[in-house]
Amino acid sequence: MEISCLQFEEMIDRLEKGSGQQLVSLPEAKLLLKEDDELIKEVFDYWSRKRKNSKANSLIPTVKQEKRDGSSTGDPYVAFRRRTEKMQTRKVRFPKPCTHFHIF
């Protein structure tokens, strides 16, 4: 059975985006993919095997972010955190127009 790389990637992407935290079932995959049943079964079996063997919840890498409720776990792998205190902005000092004459 012939399948292009692009078509295979699109099928895997649709399965990943449609599944979320839990694996989709084969009938749900048939609704998502709308391809030949034999092709869907082979791609679904490959995807589910890869997903189960993966340590992460998803095959698509994601960036860890802090939860919206503001609870901080102190996880060092969280990429983006909210600021806890207000940072003071720098004051820009503009030169006086007559100071450059004093240099000479």
Protein backbone atom coordinates (compact mmCIF):
# COMPACT_ATOMS: atom_id res chain seq x y z
CA MET A 1 0.00 0.00 0.00
CA GLU A 2 1.54 3.29 -1.12
CA ILE A 3 1.26 6.47 0.91
CA SER A 4 3.20 9.71 0.59
CA CYS A 5 5.16 11.16 3.50
CA LEU A 6 2.97 14.25 3.55
CA GLN A 7 -0.23 12.22 3.64
CA PHE A 8 1.17 10.05 6.47
CA GLU A 9 2.20 13.12 8.51
CA GLU A 10 -1.23 14.71 8.02
CA MET A 11 -2.94 11.52 9.22
CA ILE A 12 -0.73 11.29 12.32
CA ASP A 13 -1.28 15.01 12.99
CA ARG A 14 -5.07 14.62 12.80
CA LEU A 15 -4.92 11.65 15.19
CA GLU A 16 -2.73 13.59 17.65
CA LYS A 17 -4.87 16.72 17.60
CA GLY A 18 -8.09 14.72 17.85
CA SER A 19 -6.96 12.58 20.76
CA GLY A 20 -5.92 15.04 23.49
CA GLN A 21 -4.94 13.18 26.68
CA GLN A 22 -6.58 9.84 25.82
CA LEU A 23 -6.13 7.67 22.74
CA VAL A 24 -8.95 7.73 20.23
CA SER A 25 -10.56 4.43 19.29
CA LEU A 26 -10.46 2.94 15.81
CA PRO A 27 -14.06 4.01 14.93
CA GLU A 28 -13.24 7.58 16.03
CA ALA A 29 -10.06 7.46 13.94
CA LYS A 30 -12.12 6.44 10.90
CA LEU A 31 -14.26 9.54 11.41
CA LEU A 32 -11.17 11.75 11.75
CA LEU A 33 -9.21 10.42 8.78
CA LYS A 34 -11.80 9.57 6.09
CA GLU A 35 -9.40 7.36 4.11
CA ASP A 36 -9.40 3.72 3.05
CA ASP A 37 -10.27 1.42 5.99
CA GLU A 38 -7.20 -0.77 5.53
CA LEU A 39 -4.88 2.26 5.41
CA ILE A 40 -6.54 3.79 8.46
CA LYS A 41 -6.09 0.56 10.43
CA GLU A 42 -2.37 0.34 9.60
CA VAL A 43 -1.69 4.00 10.42
CA PHE A 44 -3.81 3.80 13.58
CA ASP A 45 -1.94 0.68 14.79
CA TYR A 46 1.43 2.36 14.15
CA TRP A 47 0.33 5.60 15.87
CA SER A 48 -1.16 3.88 18.92
CA ARG A 49 1.99 1.73 19.36
CA LYS A 50 4.24 4.81 19.16
CA ARG A 51 2.00 6.76 21.52
CA LYS A 52 1.94 3.99 24.13
CA ASN A 53 5.74 3.59 23.99
CA SER A 54 6.27 7.34 24.30
CA LYS A 55 7.02 8.78 27.74
CA ALA A 56 5.09 11.95 26.95
CA ASN A 57 1.34 12.18 26.47
CA SER A 58 1.77 13.27 22.87
CA LEU A 59 4.08 12.58 19.95
CA ILE A 60 4.08 16.30 19.13
CA PRO A 61 6.47 18.13 21.48
CA THR A 62 4.96 20.91 23.56
CA VAL A 63 6.39 23.60 25.81
CA LYS A 64 5.55 23.27 29.50
CA GLN A 65 3.79 26.34 30.81
CA GLU A 66 2.50 27.43 34.18
CA LYS A 67 -1.13 26.65 34.92
CA ARG A 68 -3.65 29.46 34.46
CA ASP A 69 -4.88 29.30 38.05
CA GLY A 70 -1.54 30.65 39.28
CA SER A 71 -0.55 27.61 41.30
CA SER A 72 3.19 27.21 41.15
CA THR A 73 4.71 23.79 41.67
CA GLY A 74 8.30 24.96 41.44
CA ASP A 75 8.91 22.74 38.43
CA PRO A 76 12.27 23.77 36.88
CA TYR A 77 11.17 22.63 33.40
CA VAL A 78 8.36 25.18 33.09
CA ALA A 79 9.36 27.52 30.27
CA PHE A 80 7.19 30.58 30.89
CA ARG A 81 6.18 31.83 34.33
CA ARG A 82 4.21 34.86 35.41
CA ARG A 83 6.17 37.59 37.15
CA THR A 84 5.75 37.59 40.89
CA GLU A 85 6.79 41.17 41.56
CA LYS A 86 6.60 44.31 39.48
CA MET A 87 9.94 45.10 37.85
CA GLN A 88 11.06 48.71 38.03
CA THR A 89 11.52 50.24 34.62
CA ARG A 90 14.74 52.02 33.73
CA LYS A 91 14.73 55.77 33.48
CA VAL A 92 16.12 57.08 30.24
CA ARG A 93 18.48 59.99 30.68
CA PHE A 94 18.49 62.37 27.77
CA PRO A 95 21.68 64.43 27.33
CA LYS A 96 21.39 68.16 27.71
CA PRO A 97 21.86 70.00 24.44
CA CYS A 98 24.65 72.23 25.70
CA THR A 99 26.88 69.57 27.36
CA HIS A 100 28.74 68.60 24.21
CA PHE A 101 30.32 72.09 24.07
CA HIS A 102 31.99 71.59 27.44
CA ILE A 103 34.00 68.64 26.15
CA PHE A 104 36.10 70.78 23.75
